[in-house]
């Protein structure tokens, strides 16, 4: 199955539907499978006195609260509906992360087919179970989490699905919730830990600079990749500086698809396009001098040279002390029919 690539627009639309449409254009052009926004009501997720995260202060200043910042980044239902249908026009999947139950209901009613639980909500049991009740595949992001917390959240989802006699796909997304995340903090091997612990597909939600880490995650078995992108990193807003620009997003998608192709099926055998090279690059047993018919072949009579279409060098000992049945010219391949037992 192909790696599912989510171009995370998040709040990089800065509250503008026109900018959000441009982000959809860029994600579709890059070849991403989905473009994802965020659906929230600022008053439902933060108090009006909530402080900003350090990276938000760095990128947007201290003049306003987190509530005021998020209020400007809300997308109305009418706008989200417009973006949903615009994604259909552009042949790219629409996704948006719900941060409350009403938002989840709206997105489910809109027709969204995959839900994502963001890292900050991994302890929000009510929201997680409500999302699970939609009976749609879920991506569970695990930033800031201990393994036990991941298991607990996955358990809530499976409990709902068991009760509903429904079994959509649950995928765990490894994540480091810093913007940007430092390479030393990424710990990609945690994907393997979660896969072993829970027997579930794993993916990776990336906040590092550049594209190396998500590409490496694919090489390690990630089934889904999420990456923030923006139209321009110099735009004002909390997440732009930790995001890819459109050309970089295209490069990441291309690199992931190339790595996918390179992973193969794991069977060690010559590649189809190597078959010709086997005869070109390998060696055969060759006469080091002219060997006359009836001569007993001595070690100094033979050597090994390309091409590899004759007797393999591994049979050198079997050729020595054989009798030549015909004249074998110097630098000629020795064939089995050219020799016999003494």
C-alpha atoms as a PDB file:
ATOM      1  CA  UNK A   1       0.000   0.000   0.000  1.00  0.00           C
ATOM      2  CA  UNK A   2       1.267   3.457  -0.888  1.00  0.00           C
ATOM      3  CA  UNK A   3       2.368   5.818   1.897  1.00  0.00           C
ATOM      4  CA  UNK A   4      -0.462   8.236   2.709  1.00  0.00           C
ATOM      5  CA  UNK A   5       0.956  11.768   2.469  1.00  0.00           C
ATOM      6  CA  UNK A   6      -0.888  14.574   4.242  1.00  0.00           C
ATOM      7  CA  UNK A   7       0.030  18.145   3.362  1.00  0.00           C
ATOM      8  CA  UNK A   8      -0.748  19.896   6.648  1.00  0.00           C
ATOM      9  CA  UNK A   9      -2.044  23.381   5.855  1.00  0.00           C
ATOM     10  CA  UNK A  10      -3.171  23.739   9.460  1.00  0.00           C
ATOM     11  CA  UNK A  11      -3.719  27.406  10.203  1.00  0.00           C
ATOM     12  CA  UNK A  12      -1.307  28.663   7.546  1.00  0.00           C
ATOM     13  CA  UNK A  13      -4.271  30.160   5.693  1.00  0.00           C
ATOM     14  CA  UNK A  14      -4.198  32.989   8.286  1.00  0.00           C
ATOM     15  CA  UNK A  15      -8.001  32.967   8.361  1.00  0.00           C
ATOM     16  CA  UNK A  16      -8.351  33.573   4.614  1.00  0.00           C
ATOM     17  CA  UNK A  17     -10.411  31.185   2.483  1.00  0.00           C
ATOM     18  CA  UNK A  18      -8.644  32.491  -0.623  1.00  0.00           C
ATOM     19  CA  UNK A  19      -5.275  31.593   0.899  1.00  0.00           C
ATOM     20  CA  UNK A  20      -6.651  28.197   1.923  1.00  0.00           C
ATOM     21  CA  UNK A  21      -7.647  27.554  -1.691  1.00  0.00           C
ATOM     22  CA  UNK A  22      -4.101  28.430  -2.787  1.00  0.00           C
ATOM     23  CA  UNK A  23      -2.781  25.939  -0.246  1.00  0.00           C
ATOM     24  CA  UNK A  24      -5.051  23.268  -1.722  1.00  0.00           C
ATOM     25  CA  UNK A  25      -3.689  24.096  -5.176  1.00  0.00           C
ATOM     26  CA  UNK A  26      -0.111  23.744  -3.913  1.00  0.00           C
ATOM     27  CA  UNK A  27      -0.806  20.441  -2.140  1.00  0.00           C
ATOM     28  CA  UNK A  28      -2.515  18.979  -5.197  1.00  0.00           C
ATOM     29  CA  UNK A  29       0.316  20.115  -7.466  1.00  0.00           C
ATOM     30  CA  UNK A  30       2.855  18.548  -5.108  1.00  0.00           C
ATOM     31  CA  UNK A  31       1.124  15.168  -5.399  1.00  0.00           C
ATOM     32  CA  UNK A  32      -0.001  14.842  -1.775  1.00  0.00           C
ATOM     33  CA  UNK A  33      -2.868  12.456  -1.043  1.00  0.00           C
ATOM     34  CA  UNK A  34      -4.651  14.862   1.299  1.00  0.00           C
ATOM     35  CA  UNK A  35      -4.554  18.453   2.461  1.00  0.00           C
ATOM     36  CA  UNK A  36      -5.511  19.040   6.078  1.00  0.00           C
ATOM     37  CA  UNK A  37      -6.817  22.058   7.949  1.00  0.00           C
ATOM     38  CA  UNK A  38      -7.955  22.511  11.557  1.00  0.00           C
ATOM     39  CA  UNK A  39     -11.526  22.988  12.745  1.00  0.00           C
ATOM     40  CA  UNK A  40     -11.917  24.652  16.107  1.00  0.00           C
ATOM     41  CA  UNK A  41     -13.631  27.383  18.042  1.00  0.00           C
ATOM     42  CA  UNK A  42     -11.078  29.334  20.033  1.00  0.00           C
ATOM     43  CA  UNK A  43     -13.404  29.708  23.006  1.00  0.00           C
ATOM     44  CA  UNK A  44     -13.805  25.942  23.235  1.00  0.00           C
ATOM     45  CA  UNK A  45     -10.114  25.066  23.471  1.00  0.00           C
ATOM     46  CA  UNK A  46      -8.369  27.890  25.373  1.00  0.00           C
ATOM     47  CA  UNK A  47      -9.244  30.336  28.109  1.00  0.00           C
ATOM     48  CA  UNK A  48      -9.074  33.964  27.132  1.00  0.00           C
ATOM     49  CA  UNK A  49      -6.052  34.365  29.412  1.00  0.00           C
ATOM     50  CA  UNK A  50      -4.092  31.387  28.002  1.00  0.00           C
ATOM     51  CA  UNK A  51      -0.464  32.132  27.238  1.00  0.00           C
ATOM     52  CA  UNK A  52       1.047  31.309  23.892  1.00  0.00           C
ATOM     53  CA  UNK A  53       3.609  28.578  23.423  1.00  0.00           C
ATOM     54  CA  UNK A  54       7.199  29.782  23.135  1.00  0.00           C
ATOM     55  CA  UNK A  55       7.309  29.209  19.385  1.00  0.00           C
ATOM     56  CA  UNK A  56       4.046  31.136  18.978  1.00  0.00           C
ATOM     57  CA  UNK A  57       5.483  34.068  20.904  1.00  0.00           C
ATOM     58  CA  UNK A  58       8.624  33.942  18.789  1.00  0.00           C
ATOM     59  CA  UNK A  59       6.644  33.917  15.541  1.00  0.00           C
ATOM     60  CA  UNK A  60       3.751  36.248  16.409  1.00  0.00           C
ATOM     61  CA  UNK A  61       4.896  38.367  19.355  1.00  0.00           C
ATOM     62  CA  UNK A  62       3.437  38.908  22.822  1.00  0.00           C
ATOM     63  CA  UNK A  63       0.813  41.522  22.020  1.00  0.00           C
ATOM     64  CA  UNK A  64      -2.112  39.109  22.132  1.00  0.00           C
ATOM     65  CA  UNK A  65      -3.217  36.005  24.008  1.00  0.00           C
ATOM     66  CA  UNK A  66      -3.383  32.545  22.517  1.00  0.00           C
ATOM     67  CA  UNK A  67      -7.174  32.978  22.403  1.00  0.00           C
ATOM     68  CA  UNK A  68      -6.921  36.168  20.346  1.00  0.00           C
ATOM     69  CA  UNK A  69      -4.421  34.568  17.977  1.00  0.00           C
ATOM     70  CA  UNK A  70      -6.552  31.463  17.455  1.00  0.00           C
ATOM     71  CA  UNK A  71      -9.739  33.487  17.055  1.00  0.00           C
ATOM     72  CA  UNK A  72      -8.233  35.083  13.938  1.00  0.00           C
ATOM     73  CA  UNK A  73      -7.384  31.640  12.567  1.00  0.00           C
ATOM     74  CA  UNK A  74     -10.837  30.059  12.830  1.00  0.00           C
ATOM     75  CA  UNK A  75     -12.476  28.925   9.604  1.00  0.00           C
ATOM     76  CA  UNK A  76     -16.288  29.177   9.450  1.00  0.00           C
ATOM     77  CA  UNK A  77     -18.353  26.158   8.497  1.00  0.00           C
ATOM     78  CA  UNK A  78     -19.305  27.822   5.223  1.00  0.00           C
ATOM     79  CA  UNK A  79     -15.621  28.252   4.398  1.00  0.00           C
ATOM     80  CA  UNK A  80     -14.773  24.675   5.301  1.00  0.00           C
ATOM     81  CA  UNK A  81     -17.637  23.463   3.132  1.00  0.00           C
ATOM     82  CA  UNK A  82     -16.252  25.502   0.246  1.00  0.00           C
ATOM     83  CA  UNK A  83     -12.792  24.016   0.777  1.00  0.00           C
ATOM     84  CA  UNK A  84     -14.210  20.481   0.938  1.00  0.00           C
ATOM     85  CA  UNK A  85     -15.773  20.827  -2.504  1.00  0.00           C
ATOM     86  CA  UNK A  86     -12.756  22.661  -3.885  1.00  0.00           C
ATOM     87  CA  UNK A  87     -10.630  19.659  -2.883  1.00  0.00           C
ATOM     88  CA  UNK A  88     -12.968  17.451  -4.895  1.00  0.00           C
ATOM     89  CA  UNK A  89     -12.362  19.678  -7.919  1.00  0.00           C
ATOM     90  CA  UNK A  90      -8.623  19.356  -7.418  1.00  0.00           C
ATOM     91  CA  UNK A  91      -8.772  15.576  -6.868  1.00  0.00           C
ATOM     92  CA  UNK A  92      -7.178  15.709  -3.437  1.00  0.00           C
ATOM     93  CA  UNK A  93      -8.667  14.460  -0.170  1.00  0.00           C
ATOM     94  CA  UNK A  94      -9.977  17.084   2.235  1.00  0.00           C
ATOM     95  CA  UNK A  95      -9.134  16.631   5.897  1.00  0.00           C
ATOM     96  CA  UNK A  96      -9.485  18.830   8.948  1.00  0.00           C
ATOM     97  CA  UNK A  97      -8.636  18.098  12.551  1.00  0.00           C
ATOM     98  CA  UNK A  98     -11.594  18.598  14.916  1.00  0.00           C
ATOM     99  CA  UNK A  99     -10.824  20.027  18.345  1.00  0.00           C
ATOM    100  CA  UNK A 100     -14.313  19.591  19.780  1.00  0.00           C
ATOM    101  CA  UNK A 101     -17.271  17.267  19.346  1.00  0.00           C
ATOM    102  CA  UNK A 102     -19.442  19.723  17.397  1.00  0.00           C
ATOM    103  CA  UNK A 103     -16.593  20.239  14.931  1.00  0.00           C
ATOM    104  CA  UNK A 104     -16.233  16.471  14.563  1.00  0.00           C
ATOM    105  CA  UNK A 105     -19.959  16.182  13.863  1.00  0.00           C
ATOM    106  CA  UNK A 106     -19.795  18.918  11.254  1.00  0.00           C
ATOM    107  CA  UNK A 107     -16.829  17.309   9.488  1.00  0.00           C
ATOM    108  CA  UNK A 108     -18.470  13.895   9.580  1.00  0.00           C
ATOM    109  CA  UNK A 109     -21.629  15.357   8.099  1.00  0.00           C
ATOM    110  CA  UNK A 110     -19.599  17.080   5.443  1.00  0.00           C
ATOM    111  CA  UNK A 111     -18.335  13.708   4.285  1.00  0.00           C
ATOM    112  CA  UNK A 112     -14.775  13.605   5.644  1.00  0.00           C
ATOM    113  CA  UNK A 113     -13.532  10.020   5.446  1.00  0.00           C
ATOM    114  CA  UNK A 114     -10.477  10.032   7.754  1.00  0.00           C
ATOM    115  CA  UNK A 115     -10.240  11.683  11.158  1.00  0.00           C
ATOM    116  CA  UNK A 116      -7.119  12.782  12.993  1.00  0.00           C
ATOM    117  CA  UNK A 117      -6.773  13.129  16.751  1.00  0.00           C
ATOM    118  CA  UNK A 118      -4.136  15.822  17.409  1.00  0.00           C
ATOM    119  CA  UNK A 119      -1.377  15.229  19.941  1.00  0.00           C
ATOM    120  CA  UNK A 120      -2.748  17.738  22.420  1.00  0.00           C
ATOM    121  CA  UNK A 121      -6.042  15.852  22.652  1.00  0.00           C
ATOM    122  CA  UNK A 122      -4.616  12.387  23.382  1.00  0.00           C
ATOM    123  CA  UNK A 123      -5.939  12.531  26.968  1.00  0.00           C
ATOM    124  CA  UNK A 124      -9.320  13.974  25.902  1.00  0.00           C
ATOM    125  CA  UNK A 125     -11.247  10.744  26.335  1.00  0.00           C
ATOM    126  CA  UNK A 126     -14.651  12.180  25.468  1.00  0.00           C
ATOM    127  CA  UNK A 127     -13.470  13.725  22.200  1.00  0.00           C
ATOM    128  CA  UNK A 128     -11.508  10.620  21.201  1.00  0.00           C
ATOM    129  CA  UNK A 129     -14.464   8.316  21.825  1.00  0.00           C
ATOM    130  CA  UNK A 130     -16.768  10.691  19.975  1.00  0.00           C
ATOM    131  CA  UNK A 131     -14.465  10.685  16.949  1.00  0.00           C
ATOM    132  CA  UNK A 132     -14.278   6.889  17.123  1.00  0.00           C
ATOM    133  CA  UNK A 133     -18.082   6.758  17.066  1.00  0.00           C
ATOM    134  CA  UNK A 134     -17.964   8.125  13.509  1.00  0.00           C
ATOM    135  CA  UNK A 135     -16.752   4.637  12.477  1.00  0.00           C
ATOM    136  CA  UNK A 136     -14.113   6.128  10.188  1.00  0.00           C
ATOM    137  CA  UNK A 137     -10.336   5.460  10.040  1.00  0.00           C
ATOM    138  CA  UNK A 138      -8.427   7.401  12.687  1.00  0.00           C
ATOM    139  CA  UNK A 139      -4.913   8.801  12.762  1.00  0.00           C
ATOM    140  CA  UNK A 140      -3.854   9.168  16.399  1.00  0.00           C
ATOM    141  CA  UNK A 141      -1.012  11.646  16.830  1.00  0.00           C
ATOM    142  CA  UNK A 142       1.208  10.887  19.823  1.00  0.00           C
ATOM    143  CA  UNK A 143       3.359  13.980  20.426  1.00  0.00           C
ATOM    144  CA  UNK A 144       4.285  14.633  24.079  1.00  0.00           C
ATOM    145  CA  UNK A 145       3.061  11.129  25.013  1.00  0.00           C
ATOM    146  CA  UNK A 146       4.364   8.178  26.981  1.00  0.00           C
ATOM    147  CA  UNK A 147       3.750   4.719  25.557  1.00  0.00           C
ATOM    148  CA  UNK A 148       1.142   4.058  28.255  1.00  0.00           C
ATOM    149  CA  UNK A 149      -0.839   7.132  27.206  1.00  0.00           C
ATOM    150  CA  UNK A 150      -0.796   5.981  23.588  1.00  0.00           C
ATOM    151  CA  UNK A 151      -2.089   2.574  24.634  1.00  0.00           C
ATOM    152  CA  UNK A 152      -4.859   4.126  26.714  1.00  0.00           C
ATOM    153  CA  UNK A 153      -6.077   6.357  23.861  1.00  0.00           C
ATOM    154  CA  UNK A 154      -5.920   3.473  21.368  1.00  0.00           C
ATOM    155  CA  UNK A 155      -7.904   1.406  23.856  1.00  0.00           C
ATOM    156  CA  UNK A 156     -10.684   3.998  24.016  1.00  0.00           C
ATOM    157  CA  UNK A 157     -10.970   3.941  20.224  1.00  0.00           C
ATOM    158  CA  UNK A 158     -11.021   0.155  20.016  1.00  0.00           C
ATOM    159  CA  UNK A 159     -13.559  -0.039  22.840  1.00  0.00           C
ATOM    160  CA  UNK A 160     -15.977   2.136  20.855  1.00  0.00           C
ATOM    161  CA  UNK A 161     -15.390   0.192  17.664  1.00  0.00           C
ATOM    162  CA  UNK A 162     -15.867  -3.140  19.443  1.00  0.00           C
ATOM    163  CA  UNK A 163     -19.188  -1.954  20.857  1.00  0.00           C
ATOM    164  CA  UNK A 164     -20.287  -0.779  17.428  1.00  0.00           C
ATOM    165  CA  UNK A 165     -19.085  -4.005  15.803  1.00  0.00           C
ATOM    166  CA  UNK A 166     -16.981  -1.858  13.496  1.00  0.00           C
ATOM    167  CA  UNK A 167     -13.277  -2.064  12.780  1.00  0.00           C
ATOM    168  CA  UNK A 168     -11.901   0.848  10.752  1.00  0.00           C
ATOM    169  CA  UNK A 169      -8.132   1.355  10.546  1.00  0.00           C
ATOM    170  CA  UNK A 170      -6.329   2.952  13.476  1.00  0.00           C
ATOM    171  CA  UNK A 171      -2.874   4.353  12.684  1.00  0.00           C
ATOM    172  CA  UNK A 172      -0.496   5.754  15.302  1.00  0.00           C
ATOM    173  CA  UNK A 173       1.503   8.814  14.292  1.00  0.00           C
ATOM    174  CA  UNK A 174       4.803   9.349  16.053  1.00  0.00           C
ATOM    175  CA  UNK A 175       5.293  13.066  16.585  1.00  0.00           C
ATOM    176  CA  UNK A 176       7.470  15.583  18.438  1.00  0.00           C
ATOM    177  CA  UNK A 177       5.365  18.614  19.313  1.00  0.00           C
ATOM    178  CA  UNK A 178       7.925  21.354  18.908  1.00  0.00           C
ATOM    179  CA  UNK A 179       7.880  23.869  16.049  1.00  0.00           C
ATOM    180  CA  UNK A 180      10.427  23.228  14.696  1.00  0.00           C
ATOM    181  CA  UNK A 181      11.447  19.921  16.266  1.00  0.00           C
ATOM    182  CA  UNK A 182      15.176  19.353  16.718  1.00  0.00           C
ATOM    183  CA  UNK A 183      16.755  16.359  14.993  1.00  0.00           C
ATOM    184  CA  UNK A 184      18.115  15.103  18.327  1.00  0.00           C
ATOM    185  CA  UNK A 185      14.561  14.933  19.688  1.00  0.00           C
ATOM    186  CA  UNK A 186      12.930  13.064  16.803  1.00  0.00           C
ATOM    187  CA  UNK A 187      13.584   9.481  17.991  1.00  0.00           C
ATOM    188  CA  UNK A 188      12.227   7.726  14.894  1.00  0.00           C
ATOM    189  CA  UNK A 189      12.805   4.346  16.519  1.00  0.00           C
ATOM    190  CA  UNK A 190       9.768   5.079  18.686  1.00  0.00           C
ATOM    191  CA  UNK A 191       7.724   4.127  15.612  1.00  0.00           C
ATOM    192  CA  UNK A 192       9.091   0.607  15.850  1.00  0.00           C
ATOM    193  CA  UNK A 193       8.381   0.551  19.586  1.00  0.00           C
ATOM    194  CA  UNK A 194       4.722   1.466  19.064  1.00  0.00           C
ATOM    195  CA  UNK A 195       4.306  -0.968  16.192  1.00  0.00           C
ATOM    196  CA  UNK A 196       5.674  -3.796  18.319  1.00  0.00           C
ATOM    197  CA  UNK A 197       3.713  -2.790  21.418  1.00  0.00           C
ATOM    198  CA  UNK A 198       0.307  -2.383  19.786  1.00  0.00           C
ATOM    199  CA  UNK A 199       0.472  -4.282  16.507  1.00  0.00           C
ATOM    200  CA  UNK A 200      -0.870  -1.245  14.653  1.00  0.00           C
ATOM    201  CA  UNK A 201       0.339   0.615  11.568  1.00  0.00           C
ATOM    202  CA  UNK A 202       2.540   3.563  12.420  1.00  0.00           C
ATOM    203  CA  UNK A 203       3.252   6.822  10.669  1.00  0.00           C
ATOM    204  CA  UNK A 204       5.007  10.065  11.402  1.00  0.00           C
ATOM    205  CA  UNK A 205       3.842  13.654  11.804  1.00  0.00           C
ATOM    206  CA  UNK A 206       6.881  15.841  11.191  1.00  0.00           C
ATOM    207  CA  UNK A 207       7.815  19.252  12.536  1.00  0.00           C
ATOM    208  CA  UNK A 208      11.521  19.275  11.681  1.00  0.00           C
ATOM    209  CA  UNK A 209      13.039  21.621   9.130  1.00  0.00           C
ATOM    210  CA  UNK A 210      13.620  20.086   5.720  1.00  0.00           C
ATOM    211  CA  UNK A 211      12.497  16.765   4.280  1.00  0.00           C
ATOM    212  CA  UNK A 212      15.150  14.287   5.446  1.00  0.00           C
ATOM    213  CA  UNK A 213      13.318  13.000   8.512  1.00  0.00           C
ATOM    214  CA  UNK A 214       9.950  12.178   6.911  1.00  0.00           C
ATOM    215  CA  UNK A 215      11.774  10.439   4.075  1.00  0.00           C
ATOM    216  CA  UNK A 216      13.763   8.434   6.642  1.00  0.00           C
ATOM    217  CA  UNK A 217      10.529   7.584   8.441  1.00  0.00           C
ATOM    218  CA  UNK A 218       9.167   6.065   5.239  1.00  0.00           C
ATOM    219  CA  UNK A 219      12.327   3.969   4.902  1.00  0.00           C
ATOM    220  CA  UNK A 220      11.658   2.732   8.448  1.00  0.00           C
ATOM    221  CA  UNK A 221       8.136   1.656   7.614  1.00  0.00           C
ATOM    222  CA  UNK A 222       5.895   4.688   8.155  1.00  0.00           C
ATOM    223  CA  UNK A 223       2.555   4.133   6.429  1.00  0.00           C
ATOM    224  CA  UNK A 224       1.499   7.784   6.694  1.00  0.00           C
ATOM    225  CA  UNK A 225       3.404  11.065   6.674  1.00  0.00           C
ATOM    226  CA  UNK A 226       2.093  14.457   7.711  1.00  0.00           C
ATOM    227  CA  UNK A 227       4.082  17.619   7.051  1.00  0.00           C
ATOM    228  CA  UNK A 228       3.253  21.293   7.548  1.00  0.00           C
ATOM    229  CA  UNK A 229       3.503  23.513   4.499  1.00  0.00           C
ATOM    230  CA  UNK A 230       2.911  27.132   3.665  1.00  0.00           C
ATOM    231  CA  UNK A 231       2.811  29.350   0.622  1.00  0.00           C
ATOM    232  CA  UNK A 232       5.650  31.452   2.033  1.00  0.00           C
ATOM    233  CA  UNK A 233       7.679  31.000   5.234  1.00  0.00           C
ATOM    234  CA  UNK A 234       7.943  34.775   5.666  1.00  0.00           C
ATOM    235  CA  UNK A 235       4.171  35.140   6.144  1.00  0.00           C
ATOM    236  CA  UNK A 236       2.942  36.222   9.568  1.00  0.00           C
ATOM    237  CA  UNK A 237       1.523  33.473  11.738  1.00  0.00           C
ATOM    238  CA  UNK A 238       2.547  30.834  14.300  1.00  0.00           C
ATOM    239  CA  UNK A 239       3.404  27.887  12.023  1.00  0.00           C
ATOM    240  CA  UNK A 240       4.837  29.307   8.807  1.00  0.00           C
ATOM    241  CA  UNK A 241       8.495  29.224   9.844  1.00  0.00           C
ATOM    242  CA  UNK A 242       8.376  25.477  10.630  1.00  0.00           C
ATOM    243  CA  UNK A 243       6.666  24.650   7.325  1.00  0.00           C
ATOM    244  CA  UNK A 244       7.784  23.645   3.852  1.00  0.00           C
ATOM    245  CA  UNK A 245       7.210  25.922   0.899  1.00  0.00           C
ATOM    246  CA  UNK A 246       5.429  24.468  -2.171  1.00  0.00           C
ATOM    247  CA  UNK A 247       8.563  23.444  -4.079  1.00  0.00           C
ATOM    248  CA  UNK A 248       9.943  21.728  -0.985  1.00  0.00           C
ATOM    249  CA  UNK A 249       6.643  19.917  -0.510  1.00  0.00           C
ATOM    250  CA  UNK A 250       6.873  18.643  -4.087  1.00  0.00           C
ATOM    251  CA  UNK A 251      10.434  17.474  -3.437  1.00  0.00           C
ATOM    252  CA  UNK A 252       9.347  15.654  -0.282  1.00  0.00           C
ATOM    253  CA  UNK A 253       6.503  13.855  -2.043  1.00  0.00           C
ATOM    254  CA  UNK A 254       8.810  12.851  -4.883  1.00  0.00           C
ATOM    255  CA  UNK A 255      11.489  11.626  -2.463  1.00  0.00           C
ATOM    256  CA  UNK A 256       8.930   9.565  -0.513  1.00  0.00           C
ATOM    257  CA  UNK A 257       7.581   7.983  -3.689  1.00  0.00           C
ATOM    258  CA  UNK A 258      11.133   7.145  -4.792  1.00  0.00           C
ATOM    259  CA  UNK A 259      11.913   5.552  -1.428  1.00  0.00           C
ATOM    260  CA  UNK A 260       8.667   3.573  -1.639  1.00  0.00           C
ATOM    261  CA  UNK A 261       9.713   2.216  -5.011  1.00  0.00           C
ATOM    262  CA  UNK A 262      13.164   1.391  -3.648  1.00  0.00           C
ATOM    263  CA  UNK A 263      11.872  -0.575  -0.640  1.00  0.00           C
ATOM    264  CA  UNK A 264      10.880  -3.592  -2.745  1.00  0.00           C
ATOM    265  CA  UNK A 265       9.567  -6.911  -1.418  1.00  0.00           C
ATOM    266  CA  UNK A 266      12.587  -7.910   0.661  1.00  0.00           C
ATOM    267  CA  UNK A 267      13.478 -11.017  -1.371  1.00  0.00           C
ATOM    268  CA  UNK A 268      17.227 -11.094  -2.085  1.00  0.00           C
ATOM    269  CA  UNK A 269      17.617 -11.854  -5.767  1.00  0.00           C
ATOM    270  CA  UNK A 270      19.047 -10.131  -8.829  1.00  0.00           C
ATOM    271  CA  UNK A 271      16.913  -7.217  -9.941  1.00  0.00           C
ATOM    272  CA  UNK A 272      15.378  -7.604 -13.365  1.00  0.00           C
ATOM    273  CA  UNK A 273      17.692  -4.944 -14.748  1.00  0.00           C
ATOM    274  CA  UNK A 274      20.744  -6.664 -13.203  1.00  0.00           C
ATOM    275  CA  UNK A 275      20.463  -9.843 -15.219  1.00  0.00           C
ATOM    276  CA  UNK A 276      22.569  -8.532 -18.091  1.00  0.00           C
ATOM    277  CA  UNK A 277      25.170  -7.200 -15.639  1.00  0.00           C
ATOM    278  CA  UNK A 278      25.666 -10.682 -14.180  1.00  0.00           C
ATOM    279  CA  UNK A 279      27.289 -11.776 -17.434  1.00  0.00           C
ATOM    280  CA  UNK A 280      29.186  -8.508 -17.873  1.00  0.00           C
ATOM    281  CA  UNK A 281      30.587  -7.974 -14.382  1.00  0.00           C
ATOM    282  CA  UNK A 282      31.265 -11.533 -13.199  1.00  0.00           C
ATOM    283  CA  UNK A 283      34.213 -13.687 -14.234  1.00  0.00           C
ATOM    284  CA  UNK A 284      34.722 -17.067 -15.879  1.00  0.00           C
ATOM    285  CA  UNK A 285      37.621 -19.526 -16.011  1.00  0.00           C
ATOM    286  CA  UNK A 286      39.891 -18.596 -18.942  1.00  0.00           C
ATOM    287  CA  UNK A 287      43.004 -20.217 -20.459  1.00  0.00           C
ATOM    288  CA  UNK A 288      46.086 -18.323 -19.249  1.00  0.00           C
ATOM    289  CA  UNK A 289      48.045 -19.850 -22.159  1.00  0.00           C
ATOM    290  CA  UNK A 290      47.210 -22.042 -25.111  1.00  0.00           C
ATOM    291  CA  UNK A 291      46.194 -25.486 -23.885  1.00  0.00           C
ATOM    292  CA  UNK A 292      46.571 -28.297 -26.411  1.00  0.00           C
ATOM    293  CA  UNK A 293      44.218 -31.247 -26.752  1.00  0.00           C
ATOM    294  CA  UNK A 294      45.307 -33.981 -24.323  1.00  0.00           C
ATOM    295  CA  UNK A 295      47.095 -31.602 -21.928  1.00  0.00           C
ATOM    296  CA  UNK A 296      46.482 -31.967 -18.232  1.00  0.00           C
ATOM    297  CA  UNK A 297      45.315 -28.597 -16.948  1.00  0.00           C
ATOM    298  CA  UNK A 298      47.590 -27.165 -14.251  1.00  0.00           C
ATOM    299  CA  UNK A 299      46.862 -24.259 -11.897  1.00  0.00           C
ATOM    300  CA  UNK A 300      49.108 -21.942 -13.915  1.00  0.00           C
ATOM    301  CA  UNK A 301      47.188 -22.779 -17.104  1.00  0.00           C
ATOM    302  CA  UNK A 302      44.077 -20.947 -16.032  1.00  0.00           C
ATOM    303  CA  UNK A 303      42.967 -17.561 -14.743  1.00  0.00           C
ATOM    304  CA  UNK A 304      39.626 -15.821 -14.260  1.00  0.00           C
ATOM    305  CA  UNK A 305      38.378 -12.928 -16.383  1.00  0.00           C
ATOM    306  CA  UNK A 306      35.172 -11.330 -17.579  1.00  0.00           C
ATOM    307  CA  UNK A 307      32.639 -12.044 -19.027  1.00  0.00           C
ATOM    308  CA  UNK A 308      30.770 -14.348 -16.685  1.00  0.00           C
ATOM    309  CA  UNK A 309      29.205 -16.602 -19.300  1.00  0.00           C
ATOM    310  CA  UNK A 310      31.569 -19.556 -18.857  1.00  0.00           C
ATOM    311  CA  UNK A 311      32.561 -21.763 -15.942  1.00  0.00           C
ATOM    312  CA  UNK A 312      32.252 -19.844 -12.671  1.00  0.00           C
ATOM    313  CA  UNK A 313      35.483 -19.201 -10.687  1.00  0.00           C
ATOM    314  CA  UNK A 314      33.940 -21.137  -7.804  1.00  0.00           C
ATOM    315  CA  UNK A 315      34.644 -24.319  -9.847  1.00  0.00           C
ATOM    316  CA  UNK A 316      38.365 -23.592 -10.319  1.00  0.00           C
ATOM    317  CA  UNK A 317      39.455 -26.650  -8.331  1.00  0.00           C
ATOM    318  CA  UNK A 318      37.184 -28.881 -10.387  1.00  0.00           C
ATOM    319  CA  UNK A 319      38.892 -27.760 -13.630  1.00  0.00           C
ATOM    320  CA  UNK A 320      42.459 -28.330 -12.445  1.00  0.00           C
ATOM    321  CA  UNK A 321      43.847 -31.799 -13.399  1.00  0.00           C
ATOM    322  CA  UNK A 322      41.170 -32.280 -16.040  1.00  0.00           C
ATOM    323  CA  UNK A 323      42.252 -33.273 -19.573  1.00  0.00           C
ATOM    324  CA  UNK A 324      41.643 -30.880 -22.466  1.00  0.00           C
ATOM    325  CA  UNK A 325      39.503 -32.511 -25.173  1.00  0.00           C
ATOM    326  CA  UNK A 326      40.426 -29.858 -27.760  1.00  0.00           C
ATOM    327  CA  UNK A 327      42.858 -27.007 -28.282  1.00  0.00           C
ATOM    328  CA  UNK A 328      41.906 -24.064 -26.081  1.00  0.00           C
ATOM    329  CA  UNK A 329      43.463 -20.801 -27.214  1.00  0.00           C
ATOM    330  CA  UNK A 330      45.032 -18.379 -24.759  1.00  0.00           C
ATOM    331  CA  UNK A 331      42.496 -15.901 -23.300  1.00  0.00           C
ATOM    332  CA  UNK A 332      39.572 -18.108 -24.335  1.00  0.00           C
ATOM    333  CA  UNK A 333      36.765 -19.244 -22.054  1.00  0.00           C
ATOM    334  CA  UNK A 334      37.008 -22.865 -20.936  1.00  0.00           C
ATOM    335  CA  UNK A 335      33.735 -24.770 -21.251  1.00  0.00           C
ATOM    336  CA  UNK A 336      32.737 -27.989 -19.528  1.00  0.00           C
ATOM    337  CA  UNK A 337      32.648 -29.777 -22.887  1.00  0.00           C
ATOM    338  CA  UNK A 338      36.300 -28.797 -23.421  1.00  0.00           C
ATOM    339  CA  UNK A 339      37.537 -30.960 -20.550  1.00  0.00           C
ATOM    340  CA  UNK A 340      37.181 -34.490 -19.159  1.00  0.00           C
ATOM    341  CA  UNK A 341      38.354 -36.478 -16.179  1.00  0.00           C
ATOM    342  CA  UNK A 342      41.920 -37.761 -16.242  1.00  0.00           C
END
